PDB file of N, CA and C in Angstrom:
ATOM      1  N   MET A   1      -3.978  -5.297   2.657  1.00  0.00           N
ATOM      2  CA  MET A   1      -4.572  -4.104   2.114  1.00  0.00           C
ATOM      3  C   MET A   1      -3.929  -3.247   2.844  1.00  0.00           C
ATOM      4  N   MET A   2      -3.412  -1.679   2.539  1.00  0.00           N
ATOM      5  CA  MET A   2      -2.585  -0.703   3.136  1.00  0.00           C
ATOM      6  C   MET A   2      -3.453   0.308   3.629  1.00  0.00           C
ATOM      7  N   LYS A   3      -3.022   0.586   4.770  1.00  0.00           N
ATOM      8  CA  LYS A   3      -4.044   1.193   5.889  1.00  0.00           C
ATOM      9  C   LYS A   3      -3.115   2.904   5.838  1.00  0.00           C
ATOM     10  N   SER A   4      -4.239   3.630   5.933  1.00  0.00           N
ATOM     11  CA  SER A   4      -3.938   5.124   6.167  1.00  0.00           C
ATOM     12  C   SER A   4      -2.997   5.206   7.602  1.00  0.00           C
ATOM     13  N   LYS A   5      -2.282   6.632   7.551  1.00  0.00           N
ATOM     14  CA  LYS A   5      -1.864   6.800   8.862  1.00  0.00           C
ATOM     15  C   LYS A   5      -2.472   6.946   9.921  1.00  0.00           C
ATOM     16  N   GLU A   6      -3.864   7.425   9.497  1.00  0.00           N
ATOM     17  CA  GLU A   6      -5.099   7.999  10.733  1.00  0.00           C
ATOM     18  C   GLU A   6      -4.961   6.306  11.262  1.00  0.00           C
ATOM     19  N   GLU A   7      -5.455   5.254  10.245  1.00  0.00           N
ATOM     20  CA  GLU A   7      -5.778   4.033  10.731  1.00  0.00           C
ATOM     21  C   GLU A   7      -4.808   3.388  11.829  1.00  0.00           C
ATOM     22  N   ILE A   8      -3.447   3.667  10.984  1.00  0.00           N
ATOM     23  CA  ILE A   8      -2.344   2.943  11.906  1.00  0.00           C
ATOM     24  C   ILE A   8      -2.392   3.734  13.097  1.00  0.00           C
ATOM     25  N   GLU A   9      -2.615   4.960  13.345  1.00  0.00           N
ATOM     26  CA  GLU A   9      -2.533   5.757  14.665  1.00  0.00           C
ATOM     27  C   GLU A   9      -3.265   5.088  15.538  1.00  0.00           C
ATOM     28  N   ASP A  10      -4.841   4.731  15.158  1.00  0.00           N
ATOM     29  CA  ASP A  10      -5.747   4.718  15.923  1.00  0.00           C
ATOM     30  C   ASP A  10      -5.600   3.126  16.299  1.00  0.00           C
ATOM     31  N   GLY A  11      -4.738   2.283  15.568  1.00  0.00           N
ATOM     32  CA  GLY A  11      -4.838   0.724  15.863  1.00  0.00           C
ATOM     33  C   GLY A  11      -4.305   0.466  16.996  1.00  0.00           C
ATOM     34  N   LYS A  12      -4.883  -0.755  17.710  1.00  0.00           N
ATOM     35  CA  LYS A  12      -4.102  -1.116  19.244  1.00  0.00           C
ATOM     36  C   LYS A  12      -2.676  -2.090  18.644  1.00  0.00           C
ATOM     37  N   CYS A  13      -2.860  -2.818  17.762  1.00  0.00           N
ATOM     38  CA  CYS A  13      -1.884  -3.995  17.069  1.00  0.00           C
ATOM     39  C   CYS A  13      -2.071  -3.717  15.812  1.00  0.00           C
ATOM     40  N   ILE A  14      -0.830  -4.011  14.967  1.00  0.00           N
ATOM     41  CA  ILE A  14      -0.775  -4.112  13.583  1.00  0.00           C
ATOM     42  C   ILE A  14      -0.358  -5.457  13.299  1.00  0.00           C
ATOM     43  N   MET A  15      -0.951  -5.738  12.189  1.00  0.00           N
ATOM     44  CA  MET A  15      -0.647  -7.426  11.599  1.00  0.00           C
ATOM     45  C   MET A  15      -0.122  -7.305  10.010  1.00  0.00           C
ATOM     46  N   VAL A  16       0.944  -7.335  10.196  1.00  0.00           N
ATOM     47  CA  VAL A  16       1.716  -7.512   8.941  1.00  0.00           C
ATOM     48  C   VAL A  16       1.745  -8.427   8.234  1.00  0.00           C
ATOM     49  N   THR A  17       0.925  -9.155   6.983  1.00  0.00           N
ATOM     50  CA  THR A  17       1.269 -10.268   6.559  1.00  0.00           C
ATOM     51  C   THR A  17       1.316  -9.941   4.984  1.00  0.00           C
ATOM     52  N   ALA A  18       2.776 -10.503   4.871  1.00  0.00           N
ATOM     53  CA  ALA A  18       3.410 -10.152   3.335  1.00  0.00           C
ATOM     54  C   ALA A  18       4.469 -10.815   3.230  1.00  0.00           C
ATOM     55  N   ASP A  19       4.943 -11.421   2.047  1.00  0.00           N
ATOM     56  CA  ASP A  19       6.076 -12.357   1.621  1.00  0.00           C
ATOM     57  C   ASP A  19       7.011 -11.548   0.898  1.00  0.00           C
ATOM     58  N   GLU A  20       6.831 -10.161   1.032  1.00  0.00           N
ATOM     59  CA  GLU A  20       7.832  -9.298   0.531  1.00  0.00           C
ATOM     60  C   GLU A  20       8.014  -8.204   1.658  1.00  0.00           C
ATOM     61  N   ASN A  21       9.293  -7.233   1.707  1.00  0.00           N
ATOM     62  CA  ASN A  21       9.633  -6.794   2.569  1.00  0.00           C
ATOM     63  C   ASN A  21       8.666  -5.605   2.829  1.00  0.00           C
ATOM     64  N   VAL A  22       8.124  -5.091   3.945  1.00  0.00           N
ATOM     65  CA  VAL A  22       7.357  -4.025   4.054  1.00  0.00           C
ATOM     66  C   VAL A  22       7.845  -3.132   5.034  1.00  0.00           C
ATOM     67  N   GLU A  23       8.162  -1.536   4.728  1.00  0.00           N
ATOM     68  CA  GLU A  23       8.638  -0.649   5.381  1.00  0.00           C
ATOM     69  C   GLU A  23       8.218  -0.881   6.712  1.00  0.00           C
ATOM     70  N   MET A  24       8.592  -0.737   7.780  1.00  0.00           N
ATOM     71  CA  MET A  24       8.290  -1.171   9.243  1.00  0.00           C
ATOM     72  C   MET A  24       8.069   0.275  10.220  1.00  0.00           C
ATOM     73  N   ASN A  25       9.218   1.319   9.634  1.00  0.00           N
ATOM     74  CA  ASN A  25       9.127   2.415  10.527  1.00  0.00           C
ATOM     75  C   ASN A  25       7.592   2.916  10.903  1.00  0.00           C
ATOM     76  N   ARG A  26       6.547   3.112   9.826  1.00  0.00           N
ATOM     77  CA  ARG A  26       5.608   3.605  10.113  1.00  0.00           C
ATOM     78  C   ARG A  26       4.703   3.150  11.113  1.00  0.00           C
ATOM     79  N   PHE A  27       4.885   1.810  11.687  1.00  0.00           N
ATOM     80  CA  PHE A  27       4.232   0.924  12.602  1.00  0.00           C
ATOM     81  C   PHE A  27       5.305   1.405  13.973  1.00  0.00           C
ATOM     82  N   ARG A  28       6.448   2.147  13.937  1.00  0.00           N
ATOM     83  CA  ARG A  28       7.251   2.133  15.497  1.00  0.00           C
ATOM     84  C   ARG A  28       5.997   2.571  16.585  1.00  0.00           C
ATOM     85  N   GLY A  29       6.150   1.844  17.576  1.00  0.00           N
ATOM     86  CA  GLY A  29       5.505   2.081  19.029  1.00  0.00           C
ATOM     87  C   GLY A  29       4.310   1.346  18.951  1.00  0.00           C
ATOM     88  N   LYS A  30       3.819   0.436  18.208  1.00  0.00           N
ATOM     89  CA  LYS A  30       2.401  -0.430  17.938  1.00  0.00           C
ATOM     90  C   LYS A  30       3.266  -1.837  18.259  1.00  0.00           C
ATOM     91  N   ARG A  31       1.949  -2.390  18.747  1.00  0.00           N
ATOM     92  CA  ARG A  31       2.091  -4.021  19.063  1.00  0.00           C
ATOM     93  C   ARG A  31       2.349  -4.349  17.584  1.00  0.00           C
ATOM     94  N   LEU A  32       3.026  -5.403  17.390  1.00  0.00           N
ATOM     95  CA  LEU A  32       3.399  -5.371  15.886  1.00  0.00           C
ATOM     96  C   LEU A  32       3.244  -7.260  15.806  1.00  0.00           C
ATOM     97  N   ILE A  33       2.396  -7.913  14.906  1.00  0.00           N
ATOM     98  CA  ILE A  33       2.399  -9.388  14.470  1.00  0.00           C
ATOM     99  C   ILE A  33       2.913  -9.137  13.107  1.00  0.00           C
ATOM    100  N   LYS A  34       4.112 -10.115  13.034  1.00  0.00           N
ATOM    101  CA  LYS A  34       4.654 -10.055  11.256  1.00  0.00           C
ATOM    102  C   LYS A  34       4.525 -11.264  10.747  1.00  0.00           C
ATOM    103  N   THR A  35       3.976 -12.021   9.835  1.00  0.00           N
ATOM    104  CA  THR A  35       4.070 -13.028   9.238  1.00  0.00           C
ATOM    105  C   THR A  35       4.088 -13.239   7.905  1.00  0.00           C
ATOM    106  N   LYS A  36       4.052 -14.558   7.235  1.00  0.00           N
ATOM    107  CA  LYS A  36       4.259 -14.619   5.817  1.00  0.00           C
ATOM    108  C   LYS A  36       2.585 -14.871   5.308  1.00  0.00           C
ATOM    109  N   VAL A  37       2.262 -14.591   4.258  1.00  0.00           N
ATOM    110  CA  VAL A  37       0.999 -15.005   3.623  1.00  0.00           C
ATOM    111  C   VAL A  37       0.511 -16.292   3.974  1.00  0.00           C
ATOM    112  N   GLU A  38       1.601 -17.461   3.817  1.00  0.00           N
ATOM    113  CA  GLU A  38       1.436 -18.698   3.849  1.00  0.00           C
ATOM    114  C   GLU A  38       1.242 -19.175   5.091  1.00  0.00           C
ATOM    115  N   GLY A  39       1.495 -18.508   6.319  1.00  0.00           N
ATOM    116  CA  GLY A  39       1.275 -18.808   7.953  1.00  0.00           C
ATOM    117  C   GLY A  39       0.048 -18.547   8.286  1.00  0.00           C
ATOM    118  N   VAL A  40      -0.576 -17.391   7.846  1.00  0.00           N
ATOM    119  CA  VAL A  40      -1.615 -16.767   8.001  1.00  0.00           C
ATOM    120  C   VAL A  40      -2.815 -17.814   7.205  1.00  0.00           C
ATOM    121  N   LYS A  41      -2.645 -18.687   5.775  1.00  0.00           N
ATOM    122  CA  LYS A  41      -3.553 -19.161   5.300  1.00  0.00           C
ATOM    123  C   LYS A  41      -3.662 -20.633   6.176  1.00  0.00           C
ATOM    124  N   TYR A  42      -2.861 -21.189   6.303  1.00  0.00           N
ATOM    125  CA  TYR A  42      -2.652 -22.184   7.624  1.00  0.00           C
ATOM    126  C   TYR A  42      -3.329 -22.332   8.464  1.00  0.00           C
ATOM    127  N   GLY A  43      -2.928 -21.053   9.351  1.00  0.00           N
ATOM    128  CA  GLY A  43      -3.761 -20.670  10.749  1.00  0.00           C
ATOM    129  C   GLY A  43      -5.268 -20.400  10.427  1.00  0.00           C
ATOM    130  N   VAL A  44      -5.519 -20.028   9.624  1.00  0.00           N
ATOM    131  CA  VAL A  44      -7.022 -20.046   9.229  1.00  0.00           C
ATOM    132  C   VAL A  44      -7.582 -21.121   8.889  1.00  0.00           C
ATOM    133  N   LEU A  45      -7.035 -22.048   8.143  1.00  0.00           N
ATOM    134  CA  LEU A  45      -7.535 -23.334   7.858  1.00  0.00           C
ATOM    135  C   LEU A  45      -7.475 -24.015   8.933  1.00  0.00           C
ATOM    136  N   ASN A  46      -6.552 -24.041  10.091  1.00  0.00           N
ATOM    137  CA  ASN A  46      -6.431 -24.987  10.959  1.00  0.00           C
ATOM    138  C   ASN A  46      -7.599 -24.573  11.996  1.00  0.00           C
ATOM    139  N   PHE A  47      -7.772 -23.243  12.233  1.00  0.00           N
ATOM    140  CA  PHE A  47      -8.795 -22.879  13.234  1.00  0.00           C
ATOM    141  C   PHE A  47     -10.159 -23.089  12.700  1.00  0.00           C
ATOM    142  N   MET A  48     -10.271 -22.863  11.363  1.00  0.00           N
ATOM    143  CA  MET A  48     -11.720 -23.333  10.810  1.00  0.00           C
ATOM    144  C   MET A  48     -12.027 -24.958  11.172  1.00  0.00           C
ATOM    145  N   MET A  49     -10.902 -25.569  10.797  1.00  0.00           N
ATOM    146  CA  MET A  49     -11.152 -26.988  10.607  1.00  0.00           C
ATOM    147  C   MET A  49     -11.324 -27.458  12.382  1.00  0.00           C
ATOM    148  N   ASN A  50     -10.914 -26.952  13.304  1.00  0.00           N
ATOM    149  CA  ASN A  50     -11.108 -27.382  14.581  1.00  0.00           C
ATOM    150  C   ASN A  50     -12.281 -26.376  15.419  1.00  0.00           C
TER     151      ASN A  50
END
């Protein structure tokens, strides 16, 4: 889900989950977690199973 400029400014950490390139300049100065969609899918499944 795309976030507004205000939501990005208010966030403490940004998680970008995408299989395509995402313009990262708008997240400058924020803590950033970047992963592919596949990684999140398996991470969530693993968390739920344990």
